[in-house]
Amino acid sequence: VAGAMQLLVDSKAKVNVIALIPMVE
């Protein structure tokens, strides 16, 4: 998800997107 967001942002994609990342151990 983090990599996908970087790709969308850096390629200036015409999208409306939100990443949701729950983090636990």
PDB file of all heavy atoms in Angstrom:
ATOM      1  N   VAL A   1       0.836  -1.208   0.000  1.00  0.00           N
ATOM      2  CA  VAL A   1       0.000   0.000   0.000  1.00  0.00           C
ATOM      3  C   VAL A   1       0.871   1.258   0.000  1.00  0.00           C
ATOM      4  O   VAL A   1       0.622   2.207  -0.747  1.00  0.00           O
ATOM      5  CB  VAL A   1      -0.955  -0.022   1.217  1.00  0.00           C
ATOM      6  CG1 VAL A   1      -1.610   1.331   1.430  1.00  0.00           C
ATOM      7  CG2 VAL A   1      -2.021  -1.092   1.024  1.00  0.00           C
ATOM      8  N   ALA A   2       1.928   1.262   0.821  1.00  0.00           N
ATOM      9  CA  ALA A   2       2.827   2.420   0.892  1.00  0.00           C
ATOM     10  C   ALA A   2       3.533   2.641  -0.457  1.00  0.00           C
ATOM     11  O   ALA A   2       3.633   3.772  -0.947  1.00  0.00           O
ATOM     12  CB  ALA A   2       3.853   2.217   2.001  1.00  0.00           C
ATOM     13  N   GLY A   3       3.998   1.549  -1.067  1.00  0.00           N
ATOM     14  CA  GLY A   3       4.642   1.638  -2.374  1.00  0.00           C
ATOM     15  C   GLY A   3       3.673   2.111  -3.447  1.00  0.00           C
ATOM     16  O   GLY A   3       4.032   2.917  -4.315  1.00  0.00           O
ATOM     17  N   ALA A   4       2.437   1.619  -3.383  1.00  0.00           N
ATOM     18  CA  ALA A   4       1.407   2.038  -4.348  1.00  0.00           C
ATOM     19  C   ALA A   4       1.135   3.531  -4.236  1.00  0.00           C
ATOM     20  O   ALA A   4       1.013   4.232  -5.248  1.00  0.00           O
ATOM     21  CB  ALA A   4       0.119   1.248  -4.119  1.00  0.00           C
ATOM     22  N   MET A   5       1.077   4.029  -3.010  1.00  0.00           N
ATOM     23  CA  MET A   5       0.838   5.459  -2.808  1.00  0.00           C
ATOM     24  C   MET A   5       1.999   6.280  -3.380  1.00  0.00           C
ATOM     25  O   MET A   5       1.789   7.307  -4.033  1.00  0.00           O
ATOM     26  CB  MET A   5       0.661   5.766  -1.314  1.00  0.00           C
ATOM     27  CG  MET A   5      -0.629   5.214  -0.717  1.00  0.00           C
ATOM     28  SD  MET A   5      -2.143   5.803  -1.511  1.00  0.00           S
ATOM     29  CE  MET A   5      -2.240   7.481  -0.902  1.00  0.00           C
ATOM     30  N   GLN A   6       3.227   5.814  -3.159  1.00  0.00           N
ATOM     31  CA  GLN A   6       4.383   6.534  -3.714  1.00  0.00           C
ATOM     32  C   GLN A   6       4.305   6.564  -5.239  1.00  0.00           C
ATOM     33  O   GLN A   6       4.550   7.604  -5.862  1.00  0.00           O
ATOM     34  CB  GLN A   6       5.695   5.878  -3.278  1.00  0.00           C
ATOM     35  CG  GLN A   6       6.908   6.566  -3.902  1.00  0.00           C
ATOM     36  CD  GLN A   6       8.230   6.084  -3.347  1.00  0.00           C
ATOM     37  OE1 GLN A   6       8.401   5.950  -2.137  1.00  0.00           O
ATOM     38  NE2 GLN A   6       9.186   5.804  -4.222  1.00  0.00           N
ATOM     39  N   LEU A   7       3.949   5.444  -5.839  1.00  0.00           N
ATOM     40  CA  LEU A   7       3.865   5.355  -7.298  1.00  0.00           C
ATOM     41  C   LEU A   7       2.776   6.295  -7.835  1.00  0.00           C
ATOM     42  O   LEU A   7       2.986   7.020  -8.815  1.00  0.00           O
ATOM     43  CB  LEU A   7       3.588   3.901  -7.711  1.00  0.00           C
ATOM     44  CG  LEU A   7       3.382   3.577  -9.189  1.00  0.00           C
ATOM     45  CD1 LEU A   7       4.367   4.286 -10.086  1.00  0.00           C
ATOM     46  CD2 LEU A   7       3.461   2.074  -9.403  1.00  0.00           C
ATOM     47  N   LEU A   8       1.615   6.310  -7.192  1.00  0.00           N
ATOM     48  CA  LEU A   8       0.513   7.172  -7.634  1.00  0.00           C
ATOM     49  C   LEU A   8       0.873   8.647  -7.503  1.00  0.00           C
ATOM     50  O   LEU A   8       0.609   9.450  -8.397  1.00  0.00           O
ATOM     51  CB  LEU A   8      -0.754   6.860  -6.819  1.00  0.00           C
ATOM     52  CG  LEU A   8      -1.390   5.494  -7.098  1.00  0.00           C
ATOM     53  CD1 LEU A   8      -2.419   5.147  -6.028  1.00  0.00           C
ATOM     54  CD2 LEU A   8      -2.031   5.454  -8.490  1.00  0.00           C
ATOM     55  N   VAL A   9       1.508   8.999  -6.380  1.00  0.00           N
ATOM     56  CA  VAL A   9       1.876  10.399  -6.136  1.00  0.00           C
ATOM     57  C   VAL A   9       2.965  10.852  -7.107  1.00  0.00           C
ATOM     58  O   VAL A   9       2.847  11.904  -7.751  1.00  0.00           O
ATOM     59  CB  VAL A   9       2.342  10.584  -4.668  1.00  0.00           C
ATOM     60  CG1 VAL A   9       2.900  11.988  -4.450  1.00  0.00           C
ATOM     61  CG2 VAL A   9       1.187  10.328  -3.703  1.00  0.00           C
ATOM     62  N   ASP A  10       4.027  10.045  -7.239  1.00  0.00           N
ATOM     63  CA  ASP A  10       5.164  10.455  -8.072  1.00  0.00           C
ATOM     64  C   ASP A  10       4.836  10.462  -9.570  1.00  0.00           C
ATOM     65  O   ASP A  10       5.468  11.173 -10.346  1.00  0.00           O
ATOM     66  CB  ASP A  10       6.376   9.552  -7.803  1.00  0.00           C
ATOM     67  CG  ASP A  10       6.985   9.810  -6.432  1.00  0.00           C
ATOM     68  OD1 ASP A  10       6.513  10.731  -5.739  1.00  0.00           O
ATOM     69  OD2 ASP A  10       7.924   9.084  -6.044  1.00  0.00           O
ATOM     70  N   SER A  11       3.850   9.651  -9.965  1.00  0.00           N
ATOM     71  CA  SER A  11       3.461   9.652 -11.383  1.00  0.00           C
ATOM     72  C   SER A  11       2.292  10.613 -11.634  1.00  0.00           C
ATOM     73  O   SER A  11       1.737  10.658 -12.727  1.00  0.00           O
ATOM     74  CB  SER A  11       3.107   8.234 -11.845  1.00  0.00           C
ATOM     75  OG  SER A  11       2.018   7.731 -11.091  1.00  0.00           O
ATOM     76  N   LYS A  12       1.916  11.363 -10.582  1.00  0.00           N
ATOM     77  CA  LYS A  12       0.828  12.368 -10.668  1.00  0.00           C
ATOM     78  C   LYS A  12      -0.459  11.766 -11.248  1.00  0.00           C
ATOM     79  O   LYS A  12      -1.102  12.339 -12.137  1.00  0.00           O
ATOM     80  CB  LYS A  12       1.277  13.579 -11.496  1.00  0.00           C
ATOM     81  CG  LYS A  12       2.455  14.323 -10.869  1.00  0.00           C
ATOM     82  CD  LYS A  12       2.853  15.544 -11.674  1.00  0.00           C
ATOM     83  CE  LYS A  12       3.845  16.435 -10.949  1.00  0.00           C
ATOM     84  NZ  LYS A  12       5.108  15.781 -10.575  1.00  0.00           N
ATOM     85  N   ALA A  13      -0.818  10.606 -10.729  1.00  0.00           N
ATOM     86  CA  ALA A  13      -2.001   9.892 -11.232  1.00  0.00           C
ATOM     87  C   ALA A  13      -3.279  10.665 -10.916  1.00  0.00           C
ATOM     88  O   ALA A  13      -3.406  11.270  -9.853  1.00  0.00           O
ATOM     89  CB  ALA A  13      -2.069   8.503 -10.604  1.00  0.00           C
ATOM     90  N   LYS A  14      -4.216  10.637 -11.865  1.00  0.00           N
ATOM     91  CA  LYS A  14      -5.504  11.318 -11.683  1.00  0.00           C
ATOM     92  C   LYS A  14      -6.456  10.382 -10.926  1.00  0.00           C
ATOM     93  O   LYS A  14      -7.353   9.768 -11.498  1.00  0.00           O
ATOM     94  CB  LYS A  14      -6.099  11.679 -13.045  1.00  0.00           C
ATOM     95  CG  LYS A  14      -5.222  12.611 -13.850  1.00  0.00           C
ATOM     96  CD  LYS A  14      -5.277  14.022 -13.282  1.00  0.00           C
ATOM     97  CE  LYS A  14      -4.406  14.979 -14.062  1.00  0.00           C
ATOM     98  NZ  LYS A  14      -3.760  15.970 -13.188  1.00  0.00           N
ATOM     99  N   VAL A  15      -6.219  10.273  -9.632  1.00  0.00           N
ATOM    100  CA  VAL A  15      -7.018   9.374  -8.793  1.00  0.00           C
ATOM    101  C   VAL A  15      -7.337  10.067  -7.475  1.00  0.00           C
ATOM    102  O   VAL A  15      -6.732  11.069  -7.109  1.00  0.00           O
ATOM    103  CB  VAL A  15      -6.264   8.044  -8.503  1.00  0.00           C
ATOM    104  CG1 VAL A  15      -6.010   7.269  -9.783  1.00  0.00           C
ATOM    105  CG2 VAL A  15      -4.950   8.318  -7.765  1.00  0.00           C
ATOM    106  N   ASN A  16      -8.305   9.505  -6.757  1.00  0.00           N
ATOM    107  CA  ASN A  16      -8.687   9.983  -5.428  1.00  0.00           C
ATOM    108  C   ASN A  16      -8.557   8.777  -4.500  1.00  0.00           C
ATOM    109  O   ASN A  16      -9.365   7.845  -4.563  1.00  0.00           O
ATOM    110  CB  ASN A  16     -10.130  10.500  -5.480  1.00  0.00           C
ATOM    111  CG  ASN A  16     -10.596  11.059  -4.153  1.00  0.00           C
ATOM    112  OD1 ASN A  16      -9.785  11.363  -3.273  1.00  0.00           O
ATOM    113  ND2 ASN A  16     -11.904  11.194  -3.994  1.00  0.00           N
ATOM    114  N   VAL A  17      -7.502   8.744  -3.687  1.00  0.00           N
ATOM    115  CA  VAL A  17      -7.155   7.497  -2.989  1.00  0.00           C
ATOM    116  C   VAL A  17      -6.755   7.763  -1.545  1.00  0.00           C
ATOM    117  O   VAL A  17      -6.185   8.813  -1.228  1.00  0.00           O
ATOM    118  CB  VAL A  17      -6.025   6.763  -3.776  1.00  0.00           C
ATOM    119  CG1 VAL A  17      -4.746   7.581  -3.807  1.00  0.00           C
ATOM    120  CG2 VAL A  17      -5.748   5.375  -3.210  1.00  0.00           C
ATOM    121  N   ILE A  18      -7.062   6.800  -0.689  1.00  0.00           N
ATOM    122  CA  ILE A  18      -6.604   6.868   0.702  1.00  0.00           C
ATOM    123  C   ILE A  18      -6.025   5.518   1.109  1.00  0.00           C
ATOM    124  O   ILE A  18      -6.608   4.469   0.811  1.00  0.00           O
ATOM    125  CB  ILE A  18      -7.726   7.314   1.665  1.00  0.00           C
ATOM    126  CG1 ILE A  18      -7.142   7.585   3.063  1.00  0.00           C
ATOM    127  CG2 ILE A  18      -8.879   6.313   1.729  1.00  0.00           C
ATOM    128  CD1 ILE A  18      -8.006   8.452   3.939  1.00  0.00           C
ATOM    129  N   ALA A  19      -4.861   5.554   1.725  1.00  0.00           N
ATOM    130  CA  ALA A  19      -4.252   4.332   2.268  1.00  0.00           C
ATOM    131  C   ALA A  19      -4.635   4.221   3.732  1.00  0.00           C
ATOM    132  O   ALA A  19      -4.588   5.214   4.464  1.00  0.00           O
ATOM    133  CB  ALA A  19      -2.734   4.401   2.136  1.00  0.00           C
ATOM    134  N   LEU A  20      -5.036   3.027   4.151  1.00  0.00           N
ATOM    135  CA  LEU A  20      -5.396   2.770   5.553  1.00  0.00           C
ATOM    136  C   LEU A  20      -4.511   1.637   6.060  1.00  0.00           C
ATOM    137  O   LEU A  20      -4.596   0.506   5.578  1.00  0.00           O
ATOM    138  CB  LEU A  20      -6.879   2.381   5.659  1.00  0.00           C
ATOM    139  CG  LEU A  20      -7.877   3.405   5.091  1.00  0.00           C
ATOM    140  CD1 LEU A  20      -9.294   2.839   5.134  1.00  0.00           C
ATOM    141  CD2 LEU A  20      -7.813   4.721   5.842  1.00  0.00           C
ATOM    142  N   ILE A  21      -3.638   1.955   7.020  1.00  0.00           N
ATOM    143  CA  ILE A  21      -2.651   0.963   7.463  1.00  0.00           C
ATOM    144  C   ILE A  21      -2.701   0.758   8.976  1.00  0.00           C
ATOM    145  O   ILE A  21      -2.226   1.601   9.743  1.00  0.00           O
ATOM    146  CB  ILE A  21      -1.221   1.386   7.040  1.00  0.00           C
ATOM    147  CG1 ILE A  21      -1.155   1.648   5.523  1.00  0.00           C
ATOM    148  CG2 ILE A  21      -0.217   0.314   7.432  1.00  0.00           C
ATOM    149  CD1 ILE A  21       0.189   2.163   5.034  1.00  0.00           C
ATOM    150  N   PRO A  22      -3.289  -0.372   9.420  1.00  0.00           N
ATOM    151  CA  PRO A  22      -3.245  -0.718  10.843  1.00  0.00           C
ATOM    152  C   PRO A  22      -1.896  -1.351  11.173  1.00  0.00           C
ATOM    153  O   PRO A  22      -1.436  -2.248  10.475  1.00  0.00           O
ATOM    154  CB  PRO A  22      -4.385  -1.727  10.992  1.00  0.00           C
ATOM    155  CG  PRO A  22      -4.563  -2.333   9.638  1.00  0.00           C
ATOM    156  CD  PRO A  22      -4.047  -1.349   8.626  1.00  0.00           C
ATOM    157  N   MET A  23      -1.252  -0.875  12.246  1.00  0.00           N
ATOM    158  CA  MET A  23       0.101  -1.344  12.590  1.00  0.00           C
ATOM    159  C   MET A  23       0.131  -1.922  14.003  1.00  0.00           C
ATOM    160  O   MET A  23      -0.193  -1.241  14.971  1.00  0.00           O
ATOM    161  CB  MET A  23       1.094  -0.183  12.513  1.00  0.00           C
ATOM    162  CG  MET A  23       1.189   0.427  11.140  1.00  0.00           C
ATOM    163  SD  MET A  23       2.197   1.927  11.172  1.00  0.00           S
ATOM    164  CE  MET A  23       2.202   2.346   9.427  1.00  0.00           C
ATOM    165  N   VAL A  24       0.533  -3.195  14.086  1.00  0.00           N
ATOM    166  CA  VAL A  24       0.624  -3.884  15.377  1.00  0.00           C
ATOM    167  C   VAL A  24       1.820  -4.835  15.362  1.00  0.00           C
ATOM    168  O   VAL A  24       2.409  -5.091  14.323  1.00  0.00           O
ATOM    169  CB  VAL A  24      -0.648  -4.725  15.677  1.00  0.00           C
ATOM    170  CG1 VAL A  24      -1.889  -3.864  15.771  1.00  0.00           C
ATOM    171  CG2 VAL A  24      -0.837  -5.825  14.629  1.00  0.00           C
ATOM    172  N   GLU A  25       2.138  -5.349  16.543  1.00  0.00           N
ATOM    173  CA  GLU A  25       3.090  -6.454  16.665  1.00  0.00           C
ATOM    174  C   GLU A  25       2.367  -7.551  17.439  1.00  0.00           C
ATOM    175  O   GLU A  25       1.729  -7.266  18.452  1.00  0.00           O
ATOM    176  CB  GLU A  25       4.328  -5.969  17.427  1.00  0.00           C
ATOM    177  CG  GLU A  25       5.432  -7.007  17.532  1.00  0.00           C
ATOM    178  CD  GLU A  25       6.579  -6.516  18.414  1.00  0.00           C
ATOM    179  OE1 GLU A  25       6.389  -6.415  19.640  1.00  0.00           O
ATOM    180  OE2 GLU A  25       7.653  -6.228  17.870  1.00  0.00           O
TER     181      GLU A  25
END
